[in-house]
Amino acid sequence: MGFEHLIQSGIYKDKDVWRFYSVDEIIKHQSEAGIPDYVIEDFKKFIGKTWVGKGKEYKIIGFEDNNAYCDYYWILEDESHNRIYELWNSIKFYETIKMDEKIMRRIFRFLKALWKYMLYGQRVSFCIYRNRINECCECKNFEESNWTCKICGCYITKKAKMSSESCPDKRW
């Protein structure tokens, strides 16, 4: 059975293995295949999305319910149409890592700024500090709820004090 047939039909069944390539097909055969609702919700959420793992980018093109191994797998395809199967839970794990990358970048930027400040910086005068804070408060990228910048994620009250730092929007 060729790959084109799988995409067109949206489903593949062989002994204990179900492979789904469309949301409609997984819903249609849910009770027959014994797939829980939460798996279908994840399928809807992830199908067609890009997943970065193993040093490559993959597109999530399908889902496999392998009863022989009692596991669920995502069917992934890279730009060269090579397919791999990744455990269902690991995609969620990598999605969590991807979200945590923002936090890690923010921590890295903070440490870099702190290092620059320790080597070259000084505290700015209160007048300059107040002007910087006023500029930030008028900016569309100012997040009032936690006093952060939407561009760089920095806490404005901290960053504005450092002479070695500047606004990513070139306001100061």
C-alpha atoms as a PDB file:
ATOM      1  CA  MET A   1       0.000   0.000   0.000  1.00  0.00           C
ATOM      2  CA  GLY A   2       1.668   3.247  -1.119  1.00  0.00           C
ATOM      3  CA  PHE A   3       2.062   6.395   0.910  1.00  0.00           C
ATOM      4  CA  GLU A   4      -0.263   8.334  -1.425  1.00  0.00           C
ATOM      5  CA  HIS A   5      -3.054   5.858  -0.669  1.00  0.00           C
ATOM      6  CA  LEU A   6      -2.576   6.388   3.063  1.00  0.00           C
ATOM      7  CA  ILE A   7      -2.921  10.140   2.773  1.00  0.00           C
ATOM      8  CA  GLN A   8      -5.957   9.926   0.502  1.00  0.00           C
ATOM      9  CA  SER A   9      -7.811   7.361   2.559  1.00  0.00           C
ATOM     10  CA  GLY A  10      -6.804   8.859   5.886  1.00  0.00           C
ATOM     11  CA  ILE A  11      -6.528   5.441   7.529  1.00  0.00           C
ATOM     12  CA  TYR A  12      -4.477   2.259   7.450  1.00  0.00           C
ATOM     13  CA  LYS A  13      -5.339  -0.946   9.345  1.00  0.00           C
ATOM     14  CA  ASP A  14      -3.137  -4.005   9.571  1.00  0.00           C
ATOM     15  CA  LYS A  15      -3.686  -6.629  12.308  1.00  0.00           C
ATOM     16  CA  ASP A  16      -3.090  -4.794  15.588  1.00  0.00           C
ATOM     17  CA  VAL A  17      -2.001  -1.501  14.030  1.00  0.00           C
ATOM     18  CA  TRP A  18      -4.227   1.460  13.196  1.00  0.00           C
ATOM     19  CA  ARG A  19      -2.728   4.472  11.407  1.00  0.00           C
ATOM     20  CA  PHE A  20      -4.730   7.645  11.007  1.00  0.00           C
ATOM     21  CA  TYR A  21      -3.895  10.579   8.761  1.00  0.00           C
ATOM     22  CA  SER A  22      -7.005  12.701   9.259  1.00  0.00           C
ATOM     23  CA  VAL A  23      -9.137  13.892  12.156  1.00  0.00           C
ATOM     24  CA  ASP A  24     -12.342  12.664  10.478  1.00  0.00           C
ATOM     25  CA  GLU A  25     -11.035   9.098  10.201  1.00  0.00           C
ATOM     26  CA  ILE A  26      -9.816   8.882  13.781  1.00  0.00           C
ATOM     27  CA  ILE A  27     -13.211  10.095  15.042  1.00  0.00           C
ATOM     28  CA  LYS A  28     -15.070   7.715  12.715  1.00  0.00           C
ATOM     29  CA  HIS A  29     -13.129   4.667  13.989  1.00  0.00           C
ATOM     30  CA  GLN A  30     -12.639   5.770  17.597  1.00  0.00           C
ATOM     31  CA  SER A  31     -14.782   3.100  19.255  1.00  0.00           C
ATOM     32  CA  GLU A  32     -13.629   0.315  16.924  1.00  0.00           C
ATOM     33  CA  ALA A  33      -9.949   1.135  17.539  1.00  0.00           C
ATOM     34  CA  GLY A  34     -10.553   1.848  21.237  1.00  0.00           C
ATOM     35  CA  ILE A  35      -8.942   5.274  21.229  1.00  0.00           C
ATOM     36  CA  PRO A  36      -9.665   7.502  24.255  1.00  0.00           C
ATOM     37  CA  ASP A  37     -11.028  11.041  23.857  1.00  0.00           C
ATOM     38  CA  TYR A  38      -7.895  12.723  25.202  1.00  0.00           C
ATOM     39  CA  VAL A  39      -5.804  11.120  22.435  1.00  0.00           C
ATOM     40  CA  ILE A  40      -8.195  12.463  19.803  1.00  0.00           C
ATOM     41  CA  GLU A  41      -7.998  15.941  21.332  1.00  0.00           C
ATOM     42  CA  ASP A  42      -4.194  15.797  21.136  1.00  0.00           C
ATOM     43  CA  PHE A  43      -4.398  14.520  17.563  1.00  0.00           C
ATOM     44  CA  LYS A  44      -6.537  17.522  16.604  1.00  0.00           C
ATOM     45  CA  LYS A  45      -4.100  19.822  18.381  1.00  0.00           C
ATOM     46  CA  PHE A  46      -0.868  18.458  16.888  1.00  0.00           C
ATOM     47  CA  ILE A  47      -1.721  17.223  13.372  1.00  0.00           C
ATOM     48  CA  GLY A  48       0.039  19.367  10.764  1.00  0.00           C
ATOM     49  CA  LYS A  49       2.257  21.068  13.345  1.00  0.00           C
ATOM     50  CA  THR A  50       6.032  21.144  13.198  1.00  0.00           C
ATOM     51  CA  TRP A  51       8.032  19.242  15.781  1.00  0.00           C
ATOM     52  CA  VAL A  52      11.733  19.802  16.304  1.00  0.00           C
ATOM     53  CA  GLY A  53      13.661  16.809  17.549  1.00  0.00           C
ATOM     54  CA  LYS A  54      16.679  14.662  16.833  1.00  0.00           C
ATOM     55  CA  GLY A  55      18.355  17.597  15.108  1.00  0.00           C
ATOM     56  CA  LYS A  56      15.634  18.010  12.441  1.00  0.00           C
ATOM     57  CA  GLU A  57      12.249  19.539  11.816  1.00  0.00           C
ATOM     58  CA  TYR A  58       9.381  17.144  11.261  1.00  0.00           C
ATOM     59  CA  LYS A  59       5.771  17.670  10.336  1.00  0.00           C
ATOM     60  CA  ILE A  60       3.273  15.607  12.297  1.00  0.00           C
ATOM     61  CA  ILE A  61       1.293  13.835   9.582  1.00  0.00           C
ATOM     62  CA  GLY A  62      -0.453  11.045  11.447  1.00  0.00           C
ATOM     63  CA  PHE A  63      -1.076   8.898  14.465  1.00  0.00           C
ATOM     64  CA  GLU A  64      -0.557   5.195  15.087  1.00  0.00           C
ATOM     65  CA  ASP A  65      -2.312   3.025  17.654  1.00  0.00           C
ATOM     66  CA  ASN A  66      -0.138  -0.057  18.006  1.00  0.00           C
ATOM     67  CA  ASN A  67      -2.052  -2.592  20.113  1.00  0.00           C
ATOM     68  CA  ALA A  68       0.777  -5.126  19.885  1.00  0.00           C
ATOM     69  CA  TYR A  69       3.021  -2.773  21.880  1.00  0.00           C
ATOM     70  CA  CYS A  70       0.172  -1.086  23.775  1.00  0.00           C
ATOM     71  CA  ASP A  71       1.479   2.298  22.681  1.00  0.00           C
ATOM     72  CA  TYR A  72       0.475   5.322  20.663  1.00  0.00           C
ATOM     73  CA  TYR A  73       2.901   6.874  18.183  1.00  0.00           C
ATOM     74  CA  TRP A  74       3.026  10.056  16.140  1.00  0.00           C
ATOM     75  CA  ILE A  75       3.916   9.649  12.482  1.00  0.00           C
ATOM     76  CA  LEU A  76       6.430  12.321  11.512  1.00  0.00           C
ATOM     77  CA  GLU A  77       7.850  13.303   8.163  1.00  0.00           C
ATOM     78  CA  ASP A  78      10.876  15.453   7.372  1.00  0.00           C
ATOM     79  CA  GLU A  79      11.384  17.634   4.302  1.00  0.00           C
ATOM     80  CA  SER A  80      12.806  14.659   2.365  1.00  0.00           C
ATOM     81  CA  HIS A  81       9.623  12.664   3.079  1.00  0.00           C
ATOM     82  CA  ASN A  82      11.468  10.305   5.421  1.00  0.00           C
ATOM     83  CA  ARG A  83       9.098   9.054   8.103  1.00  0.00           C
ATOM     84  CA  ILE A  84       9.804   8.223  11.711  1.00  0.00           C
ATOM     85  CA  TYR A  85       7.569   7.171  14.580  1.00  0.00           C
ATOM     86  CA  GLU A  86       7.827   8.916  17.916  1.00  0.00           C
ATOM     87  CA  LEU A  87       6.104   7.873  21.119  1.00  0.00           C
ATOM     88  CA  TRP A  88       2.923   9.829  21.768  1.00  0.00           C
ATOM     89  CA  ASN A  89       4.055  11.151  25.157  1.00  0.00           C
ATOM     90  CA  SER A  90       7.419  12.367  23.880  1.00  0.00           C
ATOM     91  CA  ILE A  91       5.783  14.941  21.586  1.00  0.00           C
ATOM     92  CA  LYS A  92       4.095  16.485  24.591  1.00  0.00           C
ATOM     93  CA  PHE A  93       7.467  16.412  26.343  1.00  0.00           C
ATOM     94  CA  TYR A  94       9.158  18.248  23.484  1.00  0.00           C
ATOM     95  CA  GLU A  95       6.330  20.768  23.294  1.00  0.00           C
ATOM     96  CA  THR A  96       6.927  21.518  26.972  1.00  0.00           C
ATOM     97  CA  ILE A  97      10.653  21.893  26.309  1.00  0.00           C
ATOM     98  CA  LYS A  98       9.888  24.273  23.451  1.00  0.00           C
ATOM     99  CA  MET A  99       7.770  26.454  25.739  1.00  0.00           C
ATOM    100  CA  ASP A 100      10.518  26.370  28.365  1.00  0.00           C
ATOM    101  CA  GLU A 101      13.007  27.589  25.741  1.00  0.00           C
ATOM    102  CA  LYS A 102      11.470  31.068  26.103  1.00  0.00           C
ATOM    103  CA  ILE A 103      12.211  31.011  29.807  1.00  0.00           C
ATOM    104  CA  MET A 104      15.717  29.699  29.192  1.00  0.00           C
ATOM    105  CA  ARG A 105      16.385  32.457  26.647  1.00  0.00           C
ATOM    106  CA  ARG A 106      15.134  35.019  29.136  1.00  0.00           C
ATOM    107  CA  ILE A 107      17.442  33.658  31.853  1.00  0.00           C
ATOM    108  CA  PHE A 108      20.355  33.657  29.395  1.00  0.00           C
ATOM    109  CA  ARG A 109      19.663  37.287  28.403  1.00  0.00           C
ATOM    110  CA  PHE A 110      19.468  38.265  32.068  1.00  0.00           C
ATOM    111  CA  LEU A 111      22.785  36.560  32.879  1.00  0.00           C
ATOM    112  CA  LYS A 112      24.406  38.182  29.848  1.00  0.00           C
ATOM    113  CA  ALA A 113      23.105  41.602  30.921  1.00  0.00           C
ATOM    114  CA  LEU A 114      24.278  41.026  34.478  1.00  0.00           C
ATOM    115  CA  TRP A 115      27.728  39.995  33.236  1.00  0.00           C
ATOM    116  CA  LYS A 116      27.985  43.115  31.036  1.00  0.00           C
ATOM    117  CA  TYR A 117      26.840  45.242  33.953  1.00  0.00           C
ATOM    118  CA  MET A 118      29.438  43.709  36.280  1.00  0.00           C
ATOM    119  CA  LEU A 119      32.254  44.254  33.748  1.00  0.00           C
ATOM    120  CA  TYR A 120      31.384  47.626  32.206  1.00  0.00           C
ATOM    121  CA  GLY A 121      28.239  49.035  33.709  1.00  0.00           C
ATOM    122  CA  GLN A 122      27.218  51.465  36.324  1.00  0.00           C
ATOM    123  CA  ARG A 123      23.919  52.400  37.829  1.00  0.00           C
ATOM    124  CA  VAL A 124      22.252  55.239  35.951  1.00  0.00           C
ATOM    125  CA  SER A 125      21.171  58.386  37.742  1.00  0.00           C
ATOM    126  CA  PHE A 126      17.646  58.592  39.123  1.00  0.00           C
ATOM    127  CA  CYS A 127      16.719  61.145  36.434  1.00  0.00           C
ATOM    128  CA  ILE A 128      17.798  58.810  33.589  1.00  0.00           C
ATOM    129  CA  TYR A 129      16.141  55.857  35.320  1.00  0.00           C
ATOM    130  CA  ARG A 130      12.827  57.757  35.604  1.00  0.00           C
ATOM    131  CA  ASN A 131      13.003  58.817  31.926  1.00  0.00           C
ATOM    132  CA  ARG A 132      13.622  55.225  30.836  1.00  0.00           C
ATOM    133  CA  ILE A 133      10.704  53.944  32.918  1.00  0.00           C
ATOM    134  CA  ASN A 134       8.428  56.668  31.466  1.00  0.00           C
ATOM    135  CA  GLU A 135       9.470  55.731  27.915  1.00  0.00           C
ATOM    136  CA  CYS A 136       8.696  52.079  28.626  1.00  0.00           C
ATOM    137  CA  CYS A 137       5.314  52.838  30.177  1.00  0.00           C
ATOM    138  CA  GLU A 138       4.275  54.691  26.998  1.00  0.00           C
ATOM    139  CA  CYS A 139       5.444  51.869  24.712  1.00  0.00           C
ATOM    140  CA  LYS A 140       3.000  49.409  23.112  1.00  0.00           C
ATOM    141  CA  ASN A 141       5.344  46.556  24.133  1.00  0.00           C
ATOM    142  CA  PHE A 142       5.031  47.347  27.837  1.00  0.00           C
ATOM    143  CA  GLU A 143       3.338  44.579  29.848  1.00  0.00           C
ATOM    144  CA  GLU A 144       1.746  46.475  32.719  1.00  0.00           C
ATOM    145  CA  SER A 145       0.662  43.404  34.690  1.00  0.00           C
ATOM    146  CA  ASN A 146       4.235  42.361  35.504  1.00  0.00           C
ATOM    147  CA  TRP A 147       6.299  45.342  34.308  1.00  0.00           C
ATOM    148  CA  THR A 148       8.084  43.465  31.548  1.00  0.00           C
ATOM    149  CA  CYS A 149       8.935  44.184  27.939  1.00  0.00           C
ATOM    150  CA  LYS A 150       7.064  42.058  25.381  1.00  0.00           C
ATOM    151  CA  ILE A 151      10.063  42.147  23.023  1.00  0.00           C
ATOM    152  CA  CYS A 152      12.886  40.996  25.296  1.00  0.00           C
ATOM    153  CA  GLY A 153      10.959  39.770  28.330  1.00  0.00           C
ATOM    154  CA  CYS A 154      13.125  41.763  30.749  1.00  0.00           C
ATOM    155  CA  TYR A 155      11.821  43.314  33.935  1.00  0.00           C
ATOM    156  CA  ILE A 156      11.865  46.998  33.110  1.00  0.00           C
ATOM    157  CA  THR A 157      12.559  48.177  36.656  1.00  0.00           C
ATOM    158  CA  LYS A 158      15.799  46.172  36.656  1.00  0.00           C
ATOM    159  CA  LYS A 159      16.968  46.760  33.107  1.00  0.00           C
ATOM    160  CA  ALA A 160      16.394  50.523  33.212  1.00  0.00           C
ATOM    161  CA  LYS A 161      18.908  50.841  36.082  1.00  0.00           C
ATOM    162  CA  MET A 162      21.812  49.359  34.097  1.00  0.00           C
ATOM    163  CA  SER A 163      23.960  51.729  32.035  1.00  0.00           C
ATOM    164  CA  SER A 164      25.160  48.797  29.928  1.00  0.00           C
ATOM    165  CA  GLU A 165      21.622  47.951  28.736  1.00  0.00           C
ATOM    166  CA  SER A 166      19.435  49.515  26.063  1.00  0.00           C
ATOM    167  CA  CYS A 167      15.838  49.280  24.895  1.00  0.00           C
ATOM    168  CA  PRO A 168      15.250  46.671  22.130  1.00  0.00           C
ATOM    169  CA  ASP A 169      12.813  49.155  20.531  1.00  0.00           C
ATOM    170  CA  LYS A 170      15.528  51.873  20.513  1.00  0.00           C
ATOM    171  CA  ARG A 171      13.558  54.143  22.872  1.00  0.00           C
ATOM    172  CA  TRP A 172      16.558  54.679  25.186  1.00  0.00           C
END
